[in-house]
Amino acid sequence: MSASVPPRRVVVLGSTGSIGRQTLSVIAAFAPHWQVVGLAAGKNIALLAEQAETFRPDAVWFEGAEYARWPGPGRLQPPEEMVSRPDVDTVVVATSGRAGLVPTLAALRAGKAVVLATKEVLVIGGPLIAEAVLAGCGEVRPVDSEHSALWQCLDGESDGIPVPEWGRPLVPGRFSPGRVSRLILTASGGPFREWPLERLPEAQPEHALRHPTWRMGRKVTVDSATLMNKGLEVVEAHWLFGAPWDRIDVLLHPESLVHALVEFADGTIKAQLGPTDMRLPIQYALSYPFRLPNTDLPRLDLAAVRSLTFCRPDPNRYPCFDLAVEAGRLGGTYPVVLAAADEAAVDLFCEGQIRLTDIPVLIRRALETHKPLPNPSLSAILNLYDETQIRLKEAVQWRRC
């Protein structure tokens, strides 16, 4: 990217969250290349106002904006309108839960590049996202370190023979499924990897939020402790790369330096390594297909790496993982119920109302009592998501009375 190339105009949804703040730090390091034209956040209006003063966006939005006055720079504009503007090139979706689905669809239908950091968007709306990519010629660029690693390993592997059971990938670049045997995601195992199983009911939120290698938001950190996050990432990989379910594998890797691996048809395995810093996959997604030097980003000192270890996750320790993968395989509205029930259960755990080991019990119960819809509409997905959360929380409150 040279100085003569016009800057890429970026909208950041979820700008006050962990990924949103790190995205803006990357953008600030490359001011000539990227220009922030839209910011949207939840309830942290004070931080949003500071960000608006720094980046001077054309448009802003926050929770309750339709009923409030905005004192800072930029005019109020709903996210689904903001991302569809003709002057927008790239949309970063770093919201939580289902909030990112509608603007992601709007951006893709308008032909934008969507830098996606919200797992639930693909988990609950995979078929709709695939349709939107086809309809609008947009593209999805993953920010999860694992999916970014798969993307980097696969890009350029384009001289093979297509395989019928693989679907159409949503990511940009070229690769041939005929060359690929397996996609391998890695997981740290979370803070309870070494805990005796009988102690897990004693786990408190402060234990779950003490991730051994990453600094992340509350929801994804708890999901890492239960390995739900890795189950959701299997579902994401299925949609992002068109991969059949039996071609996606997961290994525990406590060092968290190998973010993903790809095994090819000849038995060769390609791995992507890097420090545990989310700014690296964020920058890759923003700058693709270029790689830009950034002295603010850390470098991995291979000479200091004492060992790299891998093992398979214990299903008795991580029942949430199997629940997530099975819901993804079943399809329809099962992934919607899974994601909604997990979000509600994580909230209840962090509020001290349930135990860590209650999370998979509540999710399983929600899935077992669900009557699925095979091809849900957007409105059906959103309504079911909200209803599932309400029912689960009400059931817990009723039992506590």
Protein backbone atom coordinates (compact mmCIF):
# COMPACT_ATOMS: atom_id res chain seq x y z
CA MET A 1 0.00 0.00 0.00
CA SER A 2 1.61 3.24 -1.11
CA ALA A 3 0.90 6.81 -0.07
CA SER A 4 -0.71 7.40 -3.50
CA VAL A 5 -3.46 4.84 -2.79
CA PRO A 6 -6.60 6.43 -1.29
CA PRO A 7 -7.16 5.45 2.35
CA ARG A 8 -9.50 2.58 3.11
CA ARG A 9 -12.54 3.98 4.85
CA VAL A 10 -13.46 1.90 7.89
CA VAL A 11 -16.47 1.50 10.17
CA VAL A 12 -15.82 -0.09 13.58
CA LEU A 13 -18.80 -1.66 15.34
CA GLY A 14 -18.14 -2.44 19.00
CA SER A 15 -15.40 0.19 19.12
CA THR A 16 -15.27 0.41 22.93
CA GLY A 17 -14.78 -3.32 23.48
CA SER A 18 -11.46 -5.17 23.64
CA ILE A 19 -11.23 -5.95 19.90
CA GLY A 20 -12.62 -2.54 18.95
CA ARG A 21 -10.01 -0.70 21.00
CA GLN A 22 -7.20 -2.82 19.56
CA THR A 23 -8.54 -2.23 16.04
CA LEU A 24 -8.38 1.51 16.55
CA SER A 25 -4.82 1.23 17.87
CA VAL A 26 -3.81 -0.55 14.65
CA ILE A 27 -5.60 2.03 12.53
CA ALA A 28 -3.86 4.85 14.44
CA ALA A 29 -0.49 3.33 13.51
CA PHE A 30 -1.38 3.61 9.79
CA ALA A 31 -3.24 6.89 9.55
CA PRO A 32 -2.41 7.40 5.83
CA HIS A 33 -3.82 4.00 4.93
CA TRP A 34 -7.06 3.87 6.92
CA GLN A 35 -9.65 6.46 7.85
CA VAL A 36 -12.35 5.84 10.45
CA VAL A 37 -15.69 7.05 9.08
CA GLY A 38 -18.03 5.34 11.55
CA LEU A 39 -18.00 4.20 15.18
CA ALA A 40 -20.67 2.28 17.09
CA ALA A 41 -20.66 1.09 20.68
CA GLY A 42 -22.88 -0.14 23.49
CA LYS A 43 -23.24 1.76 26.74
CA ASN A 44 -19.72 3.16 27.18
CA ILE A 45 -20.60 6.58 25.78
CA ALA A 46 -17.72 8.32 27.56
CA LEU A 47 -15.10 6.20 25.79
CA LEU A 48 -16.99 6.46 22.50
CA ALA A 49 -16.86 10.27 22.81
CA GLU A 50 -13.09 10.11 23.36
CA GLN A 51 -12.69 7.89 20.30
CA ALA A 52 -14.82 10.25 18.23
CA GLU A 53 -12.68 13.21 19.26
CA THR A 54 -9.55 11.32 18.20
CA PHE A 55 -10.74 9.84 14.89
CA ARG A 56 -13.41 12.40 13.87
CA PRO A 57 -15.83 9.92 12.21
CA ASP A 58 -18.68 11.03 9.96
CA ALA A 59 -21.18 8.85 11.86
CA VAL A 60 -21.59 7.39 15.34
CA TRP A 61 -24.09 5.20 17.18
CA PHE A 62 -24.56 3.82 20.68
CA GLU A 63 -27.18 1.93 22.66
CA GLY A 64 -30.15 4.22 23.18
CA ALA A 65 -28.88 6.79 20.66
CA GLU A 66 -32.36 7.25 19.21
CA TYR A 67 -33.46 8.70 22.54
CA ALA A 68 -30.37 10.75 23.40
CA ARG A 69 -28.35 13.73 22.26
CA TRP A 70 -24.83 13.22 20.99
CA PRO A 71 -22.42 15.94 22.11
CA GLY A 72 -19.38 14.80 20.12
CA PRO A 73 -18.31 14.93 16.46
CA GLY A 74 -20.22 12.88 13.87
CA ARG A 75 -23.91 12.51 13.22
CA LEU A 76 -26.03 9.72 14.63
CA GLN A 77 -26.61 6.91 12.14
CA PRO A 78 -27.80 3.32 12.84
CA PRO A 79 -25.16 0.65 12.18
CA GLU A 80 -27.02 -1.07 9.33
CA GLU A 81 -27.14 2.28 7.50
CA MET A 82 -23.58 3.22 8.44
CA VAL A 83 -22.07 0.04 6.99
CA SER A 84 -24.01 0.31 3.71
CA ARG A 85 -22.75 3.76 2.75
CA PRO A 86 -21.07 3.87 -0.67
CA ASP A 87 -17.97 5.59 0.76
CA VAL A 88 -17.27 2.69 3.19
CA ASP A 89 -14.73 0.04 2.18
CA THR A 90 -14.27 -2.09 5.30
CA VAL A 91 -16.52 -2.91 8.27
CA VAL A 92 -15.10 -4.29 11.51
CA VAL A 93 -17.74 -6.25 13.44
CA ALA A 94 -16.58 -6.59 17.06
CA THR A 95 -19.92 -6.50 18.85
CA SER A 96 -21.08 -9.17 21.28
CA GLY A 97 -23.81 -11.78 20.85
CA ARG A 98 -26.40 -11.45 18.13
CA ALA A 99 -25.99 -7.67 17.74
CA GLY A 100 -23.55 -8.02 14.87
CA LEU A 101 -25.72 -10.17 12.59
CA VAL A 102 -27.94 -7.50 11.01
CA PRO A 103 -25.13 -5.01 10.19
CA THR A 104 -22.92 -7.84 8.91
CA LEU A 105 -25.62 -8.90 6.47
CA ALA A 106 -26.15 -5.28 5.40
CA ALA A 107 -22.43 -4.76 4.82
CA LEU A 108 -22.00 -7.96 2.79
CA ARG A 109 -25.06 -7.23 0.66
CA ALA A 110 -23.50 -3.84 -0.07
CA GLY A 111 -20.28 -5.54 -1.21
CA LYS A 112 -18.08 -4.55 1.74
CA ALA A 113 -15.15 -6.40 3.25
CA VAL A 114 -16.28 -7.50 6.72
CA VAL A 115 -13.55 -7.97 9.31
CA LEU A 116 -15.41 -10.35 11.61
CA ALA A 117 -14.58 -10.80 15.29
CA THR A 118 -17.99 -11.90 16.58
CA LYS A 119 -18.34 -15.68 16.71
CA GLU A 120 -22.11 -15.66 17.06
CA VAL A 121 -22.63 -14.01 13.65
CA LEU A 122 -21.57 -17.11 11.72
CA VAL A 123 -22.78 -19.57 14.35
CA ILE A 124 -26.39 -18.36 14.31
CA GLY A 125 -26.51 -16.99 10.77
CA GLY A 126 -24.12 -19.07 8.67
CA PRO A 127 -26.52 -19.78 5.77
CA LEU A 128 -27.69 -16.14 5.69
CA ILE A 129 -24.10 -14.90 5.65
CA ALA A 130 -23.24 -17.24 2.76
CA GLU A 131 -26.25 -15.96 0.81
CA ALA A 132 -25.28 -12.34 1.50
CA VAL A 133 -21.72 -12.90 0.26
CA LEU A 134 -23.08 -14.34 -2.99
CA ALA A 135 -25.65 -11.58 -3.39
CA GLY A 136 -23.38 -8.62 -2.71
CA CYS A 137 -19.92 -9.90 -3.67
CA GLY A 138 -18.63 -8.95 -0.22
CA GLU A 139 -16.07 -10.99 1.70
CA VAL A 140 -15.48 -12.14 5.27
CA ARG A 141 -12.05 -11.67 6.83
CA PRO A 142 -11.76 -13.51 10.16
CA VAL A 143 -10.13 -11.91 13.19
CA ASP A 144 -10.15 -14.89 15.56
CA SER A 145 -6.48 -15.83 15.79
CA GLU A 146 -7.27 -19.45 14.89
CA HIS A 147 -9.28 -18.66 11.76
CA SER A 148 -6.81 -16.01 10.70
CA ALA A 149 -4.10 -18.66 11.01
CA LEU A 150 -6.07 -21.13 8.87
CA TRP A 151 -6.69 -18.40 6.31
CA GLN A 152 -2.98 -17.57 6.13
CA CYS A 153 -1.99 -21.24 5.84
CA LEU A 154 -4.51 -21.88 3.05
CA ASP A 155 -4.03 -18.71 1.00
CA GLY A 156 -2.12 -19.50 -2.18
CA GLU A 157 -2.66 -23.27 -2.03
CA SER A 158 -4.63 -23.19 -5.25
CA ASP A 159 -3.30 -25.88 -7.56
CA GLY A 160 -5.41 -28.85 -6.44
CA ILE A 161 -8.63 -30.51 -7.52
CA PRO A 162 -11.95 -29.35 -6.02
CA VAL A 163 -13.72 -31.83 -3.73
CA PRO A 164 -17.56 -32.01 -3.96
CA GLU A 165 -18.22 -32.23 -0.22
CA TRP A 166 -16.50 -28.90 0.45
CA GLY A 167 -18.68 -25.81 0.28
CA ARG A 168 -17.90 -22.39 -1.09
CA PRO A 169 -15.43 -20.54 1.19
CA LEU A 170 -16.38 -17.07 2.43
CA VAL A 171 -12.82 -15.85 2.91
CA PRO A 172 -10.90 -14.05 0.13
CA GLY A 173 -7.89 -15.62 -1.56
CA ARG A 174 -7.51 -18.93 -3.34
CA PHE A 175 -7.14 -22.48 -2.09
CA SER A 176 -8.22 -25.86 -3.41
CA PRO A 177 -9.97 -28.27 -1.01
CA GLY A 178 -8.46 -31.15 -2.97
CA ARG A 179 -5.11 -30.29 -1.40
CA VAL A 180 -6.44 -30.22 2.17
CA SER A 181 -6.94 -33.18 4.53
CA ARG A 182 -7.67 -31.41 7.83
CA LEU A 183 -8.08 -28.01 9.42
CA ILE A 184 -6.69 -28.09 12.97
CA LEU A 185 -7.69 -25.45 15.51
CA THR A 186 -5.72 -25.09 18.72
CA ALA A 187 -6.99 -24.27 22.22
CA SER A 188 -5.14 -23.28 25.36
CA GLY A 189 -7.45 -25.37 27.54
CA GLY A 190 -8.24 -22.37 29.73
CA PRO A 191 -7.51 -21.85 33.42
CA PHE A 192 -9.07 -25.16 34.52
CA ARG A 193 -6.98 -27.41 32.29
CA GLU A 194 -5.11 -28.85 35.29
CA TRP A 195 -7.88 -28.69 37.89
CA PRO A 196 -9.13 -32.01 39.30
CA LEU A 197 -12.56 -32.72 37.80
CA GLU A 198 -14.14 -32.95 41.24
CA ARG A 199 -13.08 -29.35 41.96
CA LEU A 200 -14.74 -27.78 38.91
CA PRO A 201 -18.05 -27.12 40.73
CA GLU A 202 -16.04 -24.88 43.10
CA ALA A 203 -14.77 -22.64 40.27
CA GLN A 204 -15.62 -18.97 40.72
CA PRO A 205 -15.94 -16.27 38.02
CA GLU A 206 -12.63 -14.73 39.07
CA HIS A 207 -10.94 -18.09 38.37
CA ALA A 208 -12.58 -18.42 34.95
CA LEU A 209 -11.63 -14.87 33.96
CA ARG A 210 -7.93 -15.51 34.69
CA HIS A 211 -6.96 -16.80 31.24
CA PRO A 212 -3.42 -18.23 31.16
CA THR A 213 -2.30 -16.71 27.85
CA TRP A 214 -4.82 -14.26 26.33
CA ARG A 215 -6.42 -11.01 27.47
CA MET A 216 -10.01 -11.02 26.18
CA GLY A 217 -13.52 -9.89 27.04
CA ARG A 218 -15.60 -11.56 29.76
CA LYS A 219 -17.80 -13.76 27.55
CA VAL A 220 -15.05 -15.24 25.38
CA THR A 221 -12.80 -15.79 28.41
CA VAL A 222 -15.44 -17.89 30.18
CA ASP A 223 -16.14 -19.70 26.90
CA SER A 224 -12.43 -20.50 26.74
CA ALA A 225 -12.61 -22.00 30.22
CA THR A 226 -15.45 -24.33 29.15
CA LEU A 227 -14.04 -24.85 25.62
CA MET A 228 -17.36 -23.61 24.23
CA ASN A 229 -15.33 -21.07 22.29
CA LYS A 230 -13.56 -23.86 20.40
CA GLY A 231 -16.85 -25.55 19.56
CA LEU A 232 -18.14 -22.26 18.19
CA GLU A 233 -14.92 -21.90 16.20
CA VAL A 234 -15.46 -25.32 14.62
CA VAL A 235 -18.85 -24.06 13.41
CA GLU A 236 -17.21 -20.86 12.14
CA ALA A 237 -14.51 -22.84 10.29
CA HIS A 238 -17.21 -24.92 8.61
CA TRP A 239 -18.73 -21.77 7.13
CA LEU A 240 -15.59 -19.70 6.53
CA PHE A 241 -13.73 -22.39 4.61
CA GLY A 242 -16.58 -24.60 3.39
CA ALA A 243 -15.04 -27.47 5.34
CA PRO A 244 -16.90 -30.73 6.02
CA TRP A 245 -17.37 -31.42 9.73
CA ASP A 246 -15.10 -34.47 9.69
CA ARG A 247 -12.24 -32.39 8.25
CA ILE A 248 -12.06 -30.04 11.27
CA ASP A 249 -10.06 -31.09 14.32
CA VAL A 250 -9.10 -29.46 17.65
CA LEU A 251 -5.98 -29.93 19.77
CA LEU A 252 -5.09 -28.48 23.16
CA HIS A 253 -1.91 -26.40 22.92
CA PRO A 254 -1.16 -24.74 26.29
CA GLU A 255 1.57 -22.44 24.95
CA SER A 256 -0.91 -20.73 22.55
CA LEU A 257 1.85 -19.94 20.05
CA VAL A 258 0.65 -22.21 17.22
CA HIS A 259 -2.74 -20.71 16.37
CA ALA A 260 -3.84 -23.29 13.79
CA LEU A 261 -2.50 -25.92 11.42
CA VAL A 262 -3.49 -27.30 8.03
CA GLU A 263 -2.73 -30.87 7.04
CA PHE A 264 -2.47 -31.34 3.27
CA ALA A 265 -3.23 -34.38 1.15
CA ASP A 266 0.43 -35.44 1.01
CA GLY A 267 0.70 -35.46 4.82
CA THR A 268 2.53 -32.14 5.08
CA ILE A 269 1.37 -29.88 7.92
CA LYS A 270 1.63 -26.11 7.72
CA ALA A 271 1.36 -24.14 10.98
CA GLN A 272 0.98 -20.44 11.73
CA LEU A 273 2.80 -19.18 14.83
CA GLY A 274 2.77 -15.82 16.53
CA PRO A 275 2.62 -14.03 19.89
CA THR A 276 -0.67 -13.92 21.81
CA ASP A 277 -1.62 -10.45 20.61
CA MET A 278 -4.93 -9.87 18.80
CA ARG A 279 -3.53 -6.86 16.96
CA LEU A 280 -1.68 -9.25 14.64
CA PRO A 281 -4.77 -10.93 13.11
CA ILE A 282 -6.60 -7.58 13.20
CA GLN A 283 -3.89 -5.92 11.14
CA TYR A 284 -3.73 -8.85 8.71
CA ALA A 285 -7.49 -8.65 8.11
CA LEU A 286 -7.42 -4.88 7.66
CA SER A 287 -4.43 -4.79 5.33
CA TYR A 288 -5.12 -7.96 3.26
CA PRO A 289 -3.68 -8.82 0.75
CA PHE A 290 -0.72 -6.72 1.97
CA ARG A 291 1.51 -7.25 5.00
CA LEU A 292 2.55 -3.97 6.56
CA PRO A 293 5.45 -3.45 8.98
CA ASN A 294 4.33 -2.27 12.41
CA THR A 295 6.94 -1.68 15.12
CA ASP A 296 4.20 -1.59 17.76
CA LEU A 297 3.48 -5.30 17.30
CA PRO A 298 5.45 -7.96 19.22
CA ARG A 299 7.71 -10.52 17.58
CA LEU A 300 7.95 -14.19 18.52
CA ASP A 301 11.40 -15.21 19.78
CA LEU A 302 11.64 -18.83 18.68
CA ALA A 303 14.91 -19.31 20.55
CA ALA A 304 13.04 -18.57 23.79
CA VAL A 305 10.31 -21.14 23.09
CA ARG A 306 11.21 -24.10 25.26
CA SER A 307 8.56 -26.52 23.99
CA LEU A 308 5.37 -26.84 21.97
CA THR A 309 2.92 -29.42 23.30
CA PHE A 310 -0.32 -30.79 21.90
CA CYS A 311 -2.97 -33.20 23.16
CA ARG A 312 -6.64 -33.97 22.62
CA PRO A 313 -9.26 -32.33 24.86
CA ASP A 314 -10.91 -34.49 27.54
CA PRO A 315 -14.68 -34.60 26.83
CA ASN A 316 -15.38 -35.12 30.54
CA ARG A 317 -13.68 -31.82 31.34
CA TYR A 318 -15.16 -29.88 28.40
CA PRO A 319 -18.74 -31.07 27.67
CA CYS A 320 -19.59 -27.70 26.10
CA PHE A 321 -17.30 -28.46 23.17
CA ASP A 322 -19.25 -31.52 22.05
CA LEU A 323 -22.57 -29.69 22.54
CA ALA A 324 -21.42 -26.92 20.20
CA VAL A 325 -20.14 -29.22 17.46
CA GLU A 326 -23.27 -31.38 17.57
CA ALA A 327 -25.52 -28.30 17.33
CA GLY A 328 -23.51 -27.14 14.32
CA ARG A 329 -23.86 -30.52 12.62
CA LEU A 330 -27.63 -30.57 13.23
CA GLY A 331 -27.97 -27.10 11.72
CA GLY A 332 -31.29 -25.31 11.38
CA THR A 333 -31.99 -23.37 14.56
CA TYR A 334 -29.96 -25.59 16.89
CA PRO A 335 -26.89 -23.31 16.65
CA VAL A 336 -29.11 -20.32 17.51
CA VAL A 337 -30.34 -22.00 20.69
CA LEU A 338 -26.79 -23.09 21.52
CA ALA A 339 -25.32 -19.58 21.25
CA ALA A 340 -28.20 -17.89 23.06
CA ALA A 341 -28.25 -20.43 25.90
CA ASP A 342 -24.49 -20.15 26.32
CA GLU A 343 -24.59 -16.36 26.52
CA ALA A 344 -27.35 -16.47 29.12
CA ALA A 345 -25.60 -19.18 31.13
CA VAL A 346 -22.30 -17.27 31.10
CA ASP A 347 -24.12 -14.17 32.38
CA LEU A 348 -25.67 -16.19 35.20
CA PHE A 349 -22.31 -17.73 36.13
CA CYS A 350 -20.56 -14.35 36.19
CA GLU A 351 -23.37 -13.01 38.39
CA GLY A 352 -22.82 -15.87 40.84
CA GLN A 353 -26.24 -17.44 40.25
CA ILE A 354 -25.02 -20.80 38.87
CA ARG A 355 -21.86 -22.91 39.00
CA LEU A 356 -19.43 -23.35 36.12
CA THR A 357 -20.55 -26.96 35.79
CA ASP A 358 -24.18 -25.82 35.42
CA ILE A 359 -23.39 -24.10 32.11
CA PRO A 360 -23.36 -27.28 29.94
CA VAL A 361 -26.38 -28.67 31.85
CA LEU A 362 -28.48 -25.61 30.99
CA ILE A 363 -27.32 -25.56 27.37
CA ARG A 364 -28.06 -29.27 26.91
CA ARG A 365 -31.53 -28.83 28.36
CA ALA A 366 -32.25 -25.92 26.00
CA LEU A 367 -31.13 -27.98 22.99
CA GLU A 368 -33.06 -31.11 24.01
CA THR A 369 -36.35 -29.19 24.44
CA HIS A 370 -35.94 -27.21 21.21
CA LYS A 371 -38.23 -27.80 18.22
CA PRO A 372 -36.03 -26.84 15.26
CA LEU A 373 -36.81 -24.83 12.15
CA PRO A 374 -34.90 -26.07 9.05
CA ASN A 375 -34.46 -22.78 7.15
CA PRO A 376 -35.05 -19.91 9.58
CA SER A 377 -35.50 -16.32 8.44
CA LEU A 378 -33.53 -13.47 9.97
CA SER A 379 -36.46 -12.42 12.13
CA ALA A 380 -37.00 -16.01 13.29
CA ILE A 381 -33.33 -16.26 14.30
CA LEU A 382 -33.35 -13.01 16.25
CA ASN A 383 -36.64 -13.80 17.99
CA LEU A 384 -35.52 -17.31 18.92
CA TYR A 385 -32.22 -15.99 20.27
CA ASP A 386 -33.98 -13.55 22.58
CA GLU A 387 -36.66 -16.04 23.63
CA THR A 388 -34.06 -18.69 24.48
CA GLN A 389 -32.17 -16.30 26.73
CA ILE A 390 -35.33 -15.17 28.50
CA ARG A 391 -36.60 -18.72 29.07
CA LEU A 392 -33.28 -19.96 30.40
CA LYS A 393 -32.83 -17.09 32.84
CA GLU A 394 -36.44 -17.29 33.99
CA ALA A 395 -36.11 -21.04 34.62
CA VAL A 396 -33.03 -20.48 36.78
CA GLN A 397 -34.70 -17.68 38.72
CA TRP A 398 -37.80 -19.84 39.28
CA ARG A 399 -35.72 -22.71 40.68
CA ARG A 400 -33.93 -20.33 43.04
CA CYS A 401 -37.21 -19.04 44.51
